Amino acid sequence: MGRQQHTTDPERTTGTPWRWRVIDIVVASVLSVAAGLVFVFWNVASNPLTAPLEALVPGLQALAGGGWLFAGVLVALVIRKPGAAVFGEVVAATVSALVGNQWGVLTIEFGLVQGLAAELVFALFLYRRWNLPVAVLAGAVAGLAMGVNEVILWYPEATTAFKAIYTVSGIASGAVIAGAGSWFAVKALAKTGALSRFESGRMMLSRPAR
């Protein structure tokens, strides 16, 4: 019998599983730009939601923050390479800034801070754990970074209670929308076969993600 033929996997043959391939860059870019367009939509659509929340309990408006936090977590879960979370969040934020919003160039700073926060979580797990709890944690930490960053920039004179509510709301929103939401989105994408050339697609279909 001849030797069993194996499918060539660039990640395995090069011995550098963390090196970005061309397809990684292309797919990460497509996902990030798409997320940026969602950001643009959310910049407007979130207003009717945040106004009542803020009127009910000042600080609760940060519950909408997850709509601007998911790009980094989503791209990282798909690409599974160092820098993916930062890439996703910064590119998406840049798209939002270029299209135009009320925050201007500062939007890119938001993306960098939030992307680095999510990246830190994946790095702590040595880019080897991509399960739902890790995704939720990454989203929550991104939400924490968002809350602290925005409290410093926009609400330095606010009460301690407001700052606490705002930050906790950001954490909750990041965990649910950016964390859990992105994980289930990737799982749904994997089922379509769109991620068949990625470990994320194969692992999501074969068994629970590590």
C-alpha atoms as a PDB file:
ATOM      1  CA  MET A   1       0.000   0.000   0.000  1.00  0.00           C
ATOM      2  CA  GLY A   2       1.202   3.521  -0.736  1.00  0.00           C
ATOM      3  CA  ARG A   3       1.723   6.032   1.965  1.00  0.00           C
ATOM      4  CA  GLN A   4      -1.398   7.763   3.155  1.00  0.00           C
ATOM      5  CA  GLN A   5      -1.799  11.172   1.527  1.00  0.00           C
ATOM      6  CA  HIS A   6      -2.156  14.073   3.910  1.00  0.00           C
ATOM      7  CA  THR A   7      -3.713  17.431   3.201  1.00  0.00           C
ATOM      8  CA  THR A   8      -1.068  20.137   3.238  1.00  0.00           C
ATOM      9  CA  ASP A   9      -1.620  22.674   5.985  1.00  0.00           C
ATOM     10  CA  PRO A  10       0.730  25.684   5.786  1.00  0.00           C
ATOM     11  CA  GLU A  11       0.419  26.203   9.526  1.00  0.00           C
ATOM     12  CA  ARG A  12       1.775  22.715  10.183  1.00  0.00           C
ATOM     13  CA  THR A  13       4.417  22.449   7.486  1.00  0.00           C
ATOM     14  CA  THR A  14       6.130  25.733   8.258  1.00  0.00           C
ATOM     15  CA  GLY A  15       6.366  25.017  11.958  1.00  0.00           C
ATOM     16  CA  THR A  16       5.243  28.573  12.669  1.00  0.00           C
ATOM     17  CA  PRO A  17       1.553  28.352  13.635  1.00  0.00           C
ATOM     18  CA  TRP A  18       1.496  31.979  14.776  1.00  0.00           C
ATOM     19  CA  ARG A  19       2.735  33.422  11.478  1.00  0.00           C
ATOM     20  CA  TRP A  20       0.069  35.247   9.520  1.00  0.00           C
ATOM     21  CA  ARG A  21      -0.714  33.775   6.093  1.00  0.00           C
ATOM     22  CA  VAL A  22      -2.036  35.800   3.171  1.00  0.00           C
ATOM     23  CA  ILE A  23      -5.486  34.321   3.710  1.00  0.00           C
ATOM     24  CA  ASP A  24      -5.347  35.357   7.362  1.00  0.00           C
ATOM     25  CA  ILE A  25      -4.688  38.959   6.369  1.00  0.00           C
ATOM     26  CA  VAL A  26      -7.409  38.947   3.717  1.00  0.00           C
ATOM     27  CA  VAL A  27     -10.090  37.402   5.911  1.00  0.00           C
ATOM     28  CA  ALA A  28      -9.156  39.506   8.937  1.00  0.00           C
ATOM     29  CA  SER A  29      -9.392  42.616   6.777  1.00  0.00           C
ATOM     30  CA  VAL A  30     -12.786  41.656   5.362  1.00  0.00           C
ATOM     31  CA  LEU A  31     -14.175  40.871   8.812  1.00  0.00           C
ATOM     32  CA  SER A  32     -12.727  44.066  10.281  1.00  0.00           C
ATOM     33  CA  VAL A  33     -14.132  46.310   7.554  1.00  0.00           C
ATOM     34  CA  ALA A  34     -17.526  44.627   7.885  1.00  0.00           C
ATOM     35  CA  ALA A  35     -17.373  45.181  11.647  1.00  0.00           C
ATOM     36  CA  GLY A  36     -16.463  48.812  11.020  1.00  0.00           C
ATOM     37  CA  LEU A  37     -19.613  49.231   8.959  1.00  0.00           C
ATOM     38  CA  VAL A  38     -21.583  47.732  11.834  1.00  0.00           C
ATOM     39  CA  PHE A  39     -19.912  50.315  14.084  1.00  0.00           C
ATOM     40  CA  VAL A  40     -21.138  53.048  11.726  1.00  0.00           C
ATOM     41  CA  PHE A  41     -24.678  51.705  11.978  1.00  0.00           C
ATOM     42  CA  TRP A  42     -24.408  51.336  15.753  1.00  0.00           C
ATOM     43  CA  ASN A  43     -23.160  54.916  16.116  1.00  0.00           C
ATOM     44  CA  VAL A  44     -26.672  56.016  15.128  1.00  0.00           C
ATOM     45  CA  ALA A  45     -28.860  53.063  16.088  1.00  0.00           C
ATOM     46  CA  SER A  46     -27.638  52.970  19.686  1.00  0.00           C
ATOM     47  CA  ASN A  47     -28.884  56.472  20.494  1.00  0.00           C
ATOM     48  CA  PRO A  48     -32.554  55.484  20.990  1.00  0.00           C
ATOM     49  CA  LEU A  49     -31.368  52.747  23.351  1.00  0.00           C
ATOM     50  CA  THR A  50     -28.836  54.656  25.404  1.00  0.00           C
ATOM     51  CA  ALA A  51     -30.984  57.727  26.051  1.00  0.00           C
ATOM     52  CA  PRO A  52     -33.657  55.862  28.094  1.00  0.00           C
ATOM     53  CA  LEU A  53     -30.978  53.872  29.925  1.00  0.00           C
ATOM     54  CA  GLU A  54     -29.118  57.038  30.865  1.00  0.00           C
ATOM     55  CA  ALA A  55     -32.359  58.650  32.016  1.00  0.00           C
ATOM     56  CA  LEU A  56     -33.215  55.601  34.115  1.00  0.00           C
ATOM     57  CA  VAL A  57     -29.825  55.245  35.796  1.00  0.00           C
ATOM     58  CA  PRO A  58     -26.921  57.432  34.648  1.00  0.00           C
ATOM     59  CA  GLY A  59     -24.095  55.176  33.568  1.00  0.00           C
ATOM     60  CA  LEU A  60     -26.265  52.374  32.206  1.00  0.00           C
ATOM     61  CA  GLN A  61     -25.776  53.740  28.689  1.00  0.00           C
ATOM     62  CA  ALA A  62     -22.521  51.790  28.601  1.00  0.00           C
ATOM     63  CA  LEU A  63     -24.643  48.645  28.216  1.00  0.00           C
ATOM     64  CA  ALA A  64     -24.642  49.478  24.511  1.00  0.00           C
ATOM     65  CA  GLY A  65     -20.847  49.478  24.411  1.00  0.00           C
ATOM     66  CA  GLY A  66     -20.571  45.860  23.291  1.00  0.00           C
ATOM     67  CA  GLY A  67     -21.662  46.980  19.837  1.00  0.00           C
ATOM     68  CA  TRP A  68     -18.258  48.629  19.462  1.00  0.00           C
ATOM     69  CA  LEU A  69     -16.226  45.882  21.140  1.00  0.00           C
ATOM     70  CA  PHE A  70     -16.915  42.744  19.145  1.00  0.00           C
ATOM     71  CA  ALA A  71     -14.534  43.299  16.218  1.00  0.00           C
ATOM     72  CA  GLY A  72     -11.381  42.392  18.106  1.00  0.00           C
ATOM     73  CA  VAL A  73     -12.836  39.294  19.735  1.00  0.00           C
ATOM     74  CA  LEU A  74     -14.455  38.115  16.505  1.00  0.00           C
ATOM     75  CA  VAL A  75     -11.322  38.450  14.376  1.00  0.00           C
ATOM     76  CA  ALA A  76      -9.172  36.830  17.062  1.00  0.00           C
ATOM     77  CA  LEU A  77     -11.523  33.834  17.335  1.00  0.00           C
ATOM     78  CA  VAL A  78     -11.374  33.295  13.578  1.00  0.00           C
ATOM     79  CA  ILE A  79      -7.684  33.962  12.883  1.00  0.00           C
ATOM     80  CA  ARG A  80      -6.226  32.665  16.159  1.00  0.00           C
ATOM     81  CA  LYS A  81      -2.928  34.504  15.734  1.00  0.00           C
ATOM     82  CA  PRO A  82      -1.142  37.102  17.883  1.00  0.00           C
ATOM     83  CA  GLY A  83      -2.276  40.608  17.061  1.00  0.00           C
ATOM     84  CA  ALA A  84      -5.623  39.580  15.579  1.00  0.00           C
ATOM     85  CA  ALA A  85      -7.721  41.249  18.294  1.00  0.00           C
ATOM     86  CA  VAL A  86      -5.835  44.537  17.970  1.00  0.00           C
ATOM     87  CA  PHE A  87      -5.993  44.327  14.179  1.00  0.00           C
ATOM     88  CA  GLY A  88      -9.733  43.721  14.157  1.00  0.00           C
ATOM     89  CA  GLU A  89     -10.668  46.464  16.588  1.00  0.00           C
ATOM     90  CA  VAL A  90      -8.317  49.118  15.171  1.00  0.00           C
ATOM     91  CA  VAL A  91      -9.288  48.525  11.531  1.00  0.00           C
ATOM     92  CA  ALA A  92     -12.985  48.560  12.417  1.00  0.00           C
ATOM     93  CA  ALA A  93     -12.533  51.764  14.414  1.00  0.00           C
ATOM     94  CA  THR A  94     -10.605  53.330  11.535  1.00  0.00           C
ATOM     95  CA  VAL A  95     -13.433  52.522   9.118  1.00  0.00           C
ATOM     96  CA  SER A  96     -15.895  54.132  11.520  1.00  0.00           C
ATOM     97  CA  ALA A  97     -13.710  57.232  11.803  1.00  0.00           C
ATOM     98  CA  LEU A  98     -13.225  57.525   8.034  1.00  0.00           C
ATOM     99  CA  VAL A  99     -16.929  57.202   7.301  1.00  0.00           C
ATOM    100  CA  GLY A 100     -17.560  59.835   9.937  1.00  0.00           C
ATOM    101  CA  ASN A 101     -18.867  59.917  13.482  1.00  0.00           C
ATOM    102  CA  GLN A 102     -19.117  62.251  16.454  1.00  0.00           C
ATOM    103  CA  TRP A 103     -15.761  61.138  17.928  1.00  0.00           C
ATOM    104  CA  GLY A 104     -13.542  61.676  14.895  1.00  0.00           C
ATOM    105  CA  VAL A 105      -9.949  60.467  15.013  1.00  0.00           C
ATOM    106  CA  LEU A 106     -10.307  59.658  18.714  1.00  0.00           C
ATOM    107  CA  THR A 107     -12.294  56.618  17.580  1.00  0.00           C
ATOM    108  CA  ILE A 108      -9.009  54.988  16.600  1.00  0.00           C
ATOM    109  CA  GLU A 109      -7.708  55.460  20.145  1.00  0.00           C
ATOM    110  CA  PHE A 110     -10.844  53.718  21.402  1.00  0.00           C
ATOM    111  CA  GLY A 111     -10.181  50.824  19.054  1.00  0.00           C
ATOM    112  CA  LEU A 112      -6.553  50.517  20.090  1.00  0.00           C
ATOM    113  CA  VAL A 113      -7.335  50.485  23.821  1.00  0.00           C
ATOM    114  CA  GLN A 114     -10.186  48.010  23.460  1.00  0.00           C
ATOM    115  CA  GLY A 115      -8.281  45.782  21.050  1.00  0.00           C
ATOM    116  CA  LEU A 116      -5.234  45.632  23.305  1.00  0.00           C
ATOM    117  CA  ALA A 117      -7.445  44.662  26.246  1.00  0.00           C
ATOM    118  CA  ALA A 118      -8.992  41.735  24.377  1.00  0.00           C
ATOM    119  CA  GLU A 119      -5.576  40.760  23.005  1.00  0.00           C
ATOM    120  CA  LEU A 120      -4.193  40.580  26.530  1.00  0.00           C
ATOM    121  CA  VAL A 121      -6.670  37.861  27.475  1.00  0.00           C
ATOM    122  CA  PHE A 122      -5.839  35.662  24.484  1.00  0.00           C
ATOM    123  CA  ALA A 123      -2.136  36.211  25.157  1.00  0.00           C
ATOM    124  CA  LEU A 124      -2.552  35.150  28.786  1.00  0.00           C
ATOM    125  CA  PHE A 125      -3.851  31.821  27.494  1.00  0.00           C
ATOM    126  CA  LEU A 126      -0.859  31.656  25.100  1.00  0.00           C
ATOM    127  CA  TYR A 127      -3.213  31.788  22.095  1.00  0.00           C
ATOM    128  CA  ARG A 128      -4.251  28.193  22.798  1.00  0.00           C
ATOM    129  CA  ARG A 129      -7.669  28.563  24.387  1.00  0.00           C
ATOM    130  CA  TRP A 130     -10.546  29.707  22.199  1.00  0.00           C
ATOM    131  CA  ASN A 131     -13.574  28.445  24.074  1.00  0.00           C
ATOM    132  CA  LEU A 132     -16.664  30.353  25.158  1.00  0.00           C
ATOM    133  CA  PRO A 133     -15.398  31.305  28.645  1.00  0.00           C
ATOM    134  CA  VAL A 134     -12.195  32.801  27.197  1.00  0.00           C
ATOM    135  CA  ALA A 135     -14.188  34.706  24.581  1.00  0.00           C
ATOM    136  CA  VAL A 136     -16.499  36.061  27.285  1.00  0.00           C
ATOM    137  CA  LEU A 137     -13.502  37.063  29.402  1.00  0.00           C
ATOM    138  CA  ALA A 138     -11.880  38.834  26.428  1.00  0.00           C
ATOM    139  CA  GLY A 139     -15.087  40.744  25.793  1.00  0.00           C
ATOM    140  CA  ALA A 140     -15.424  41.641  29.458  1.00  0.00           C
ATOM    141  CA  VAL A 141     -11.848  42.948  29.674  1.00  0.00           C
ATOM    142  CA  ALA A 142     -12.398  44.968  26.493  1.00  0.00           C
ATOM    143  CA  GLY A 143     -15.500  46.380  28.176  1.00  0.00           C
ATOM    144  CA  LEU A 144     -13.474  47.238  31.265  1.00  0.00           C
ATOM    145  CA  ALA A 145     -10.939  49.059  29.102  1.00  0.00           C
ATOM    146  CA  MET A 146     -13.730  50.912  27.336  1.00  0.00           C
ATOM    147  CA  GLY A 147     -15.335  51.945  30.619  1.00  0.00           C
ATOM    148  CA  VAL A 148     -12.127  53.189  32.222  1.00  0.00           C
ATOM    149  CA  ASN A 149     -10.974  54.953  29.053  1.00  0.00           C
ATOM    150  CA  GLU A 150     -14.256  56.759  28.517  1.00  0.00           C
ATOM    151  CA  VAL A 151     -14.681  57.697  32.160  1.00  0.00           C
ATOM    152  CA  ILE A 152     -11.266  59.349  32.019  1.00  0.00           C
ATOM    153  CA  LEU A 153     -11.960  61.110  28.712  1.00  0.00           C
ATOM    154  CA  TRP A 154     -15.616  62.083  29.020  1.00  0.00           C
ATOM    155  CA  TYR A 155     -16.608  61.955  32.680  1.00  0.00           C
ATOM    156  CA  PRO A 156     -13.621  62.976  34.836  1.00  0.00           C
ATOM    157  CA  GLU A 157     -15.849  65.067  37.107  1.00  0.00           C
ATOM    158  CA  ALA A 158     -18.590  62.439  37.489  1.00  0.00           C
ATOM    159  CA  THR A 159     -19.467  60.855  40.813  1.00  0.00           C
ATOM    160  CA  THR A 160     -17.859  57.622  41.935  1.00  0.00           C
ATOM    161  CA  ALA A 161     -21.244  55.896  41.655  1.00  0.00           C
ATOM    162  CA  PHE A 162     -21.626  56.950  38.031  1.00  0.00           C
ATOM    163  CA  LYS A 163     -18.113  55.803  37.156  1.00  0.00           C
ATOM    164  CA  ALA A 164     -18.724  52.430  38.797  1.00  0.00           C
ATOM    165  CA  ILE A 165     -22.071  51.900  37.049  1.00  0.00           C
ATOM    166  CA  TYR A 166     -20.625  52.961  33.705  1.00  0.00           C
ATOM    167  CA  THR A 167     -17.623  50.657  34.005  1.00  0.00           C
ATOM    168  CA  VAL A 168     -19.603  47.641  35.239  1.00  0.00           C
ATOM    169  CA  SER A 169     -22.151  48.168  32.457  1.00  0.00           C
ATOM    170  CA  GLY A 170     -19.322  48.214  29.922  1.00  0.00           C
ATOM    171  CA  ILE A 171     -17.937  44.968  31.321  1.00  0.00           C
ATOM    172  CA  ALA A 172     -21.349  43.269  31.157  1.00  0.00           C
ATOM    173  CA  SER A 173     -21.997  44.472  27.629  1.00  0.00           C
ATOM    174  CA  GLY A 174     -18.554  43.395  26.485  1.00  0.00           C
ATOM    175  CA  ALA A 175     -18.959  39.938  27.991  1.00  0.00           C
ATOM    176  CA  VAL A 176     -22.370  39.288  26.429  1.00  0.00           C
ATOM    177  CA  ILE A 177     -22.277  41.093  23.078  1.00  0.00           C
ATOM    178  CA  ALA A 178     -18.581  41.072  22.195  1.00  0.00           C
ATOM    179  CA  GLY A 179     -17.628  37.861  23.983  1.00  0.00           C
ATOM    180  CA  ALA A 180     -20.503  35.387  23.771  1.00  0.00           C
ATOM    181  CA  GLY A 181     -21.939  37.035  20.675  1.00  0.00           C
ATOM    182  CA  SER A 182     -18.692  36.717  18.728  1.00  0.00           C
ATOM    183  CA  TRP A 183     -18.149  33.119  19.798  1.00  0.00           C
ATOM    184  CA  PHE A 184     -21.595  32.050  18.593  1.00  0.00           C
ATOM    185  CA  ALA A 185     -21.137  34.068  15.391  1.00  0.00           C
ATOM    186  CA  VAL A 186     -17.922  32.187  14.621  1.00  0.00           C
ATOM    187  CA  LYS A 187     -19.640  28.891  15.386  1.00  0.00           C
ATOM    188  CA  ALA A 188     -22.410  29.790  12.948  1.00  0.00           C
ATOM    189  CA  LEU A 189     -19.863  30.779  10.289  1.00  0.00           C
ATOM    190  CA  ALA A 190     -18.030  27.485  10.767  1.00  0.00           C
ATOM    191  CA  LYS A 191     -21.232  25.549  10.070  1.00  0.00           C
ATOM    192  CA  THR A 192     -21.506  27.227   6.658  1.00  0.00           C
ATOM    193  CA  GLY A 193     -18.044  25.995   5.685  1.00  0.00           C
ATOM    194  CA  ALA A 194     -16.736  29.539   5.278  1.00  0.00           C
ATOM    195  CA  LEU A 195     -13.941  28.865   7.769  1.00  0.00           C
ATOM    196  CA  SER A 196     -12.842  25.487   6.430  1.00  0.00           C
ATOM    197  CA  ARG A 197      -9.294  26.755   5.798  1.00  0.00           C
ATOM    198  CA  PHE A 198      -8.929  27.881   9.394  1.00  0.00           C
ATOM    199  CA  GLU A 199      -8.337  25.925  12.567  1.00  0.00           C
ATOM    200  CA  SER A 200     -11.247  27.825  14.088  1.00  0.00           C
ATOM    201  CA  GLY A 201     -13.630  26.371  11.515  1.00  0.00           C
ATOM    202  CA  ARG A 202     -12.336  22.832  11.917  1.00  0.00           C
ATOM    203  CA  MET A 203     -12.305  22.896  15.708  1.00  0.00           C
ATOM    204  CA  MET A 204     -15.758  24.438  16.013  1.00  0.00           C
ATOM    205  CA  LEU A 205     -17.214  21.604  13.943  1.00  0.00           C
ATOM    206  CA  SER A 206     -15.183  18.690  15.298  1.00  0.00           C
ATOM    207  CA  ARG A 207     -15.498  19.322  19.031  1.00  0.00           C
ATOM    208  CA  PRO A 208     -15.946  22.161  21.515  1.00  0.00           C
ATOM    209  CA  ALA A 209     -13.287  24.846  20.984  1.00  0.00           C
ATOM    210  CA  ARG A 210     -10.362  24.588  23.386  1.00  0.00           C
END
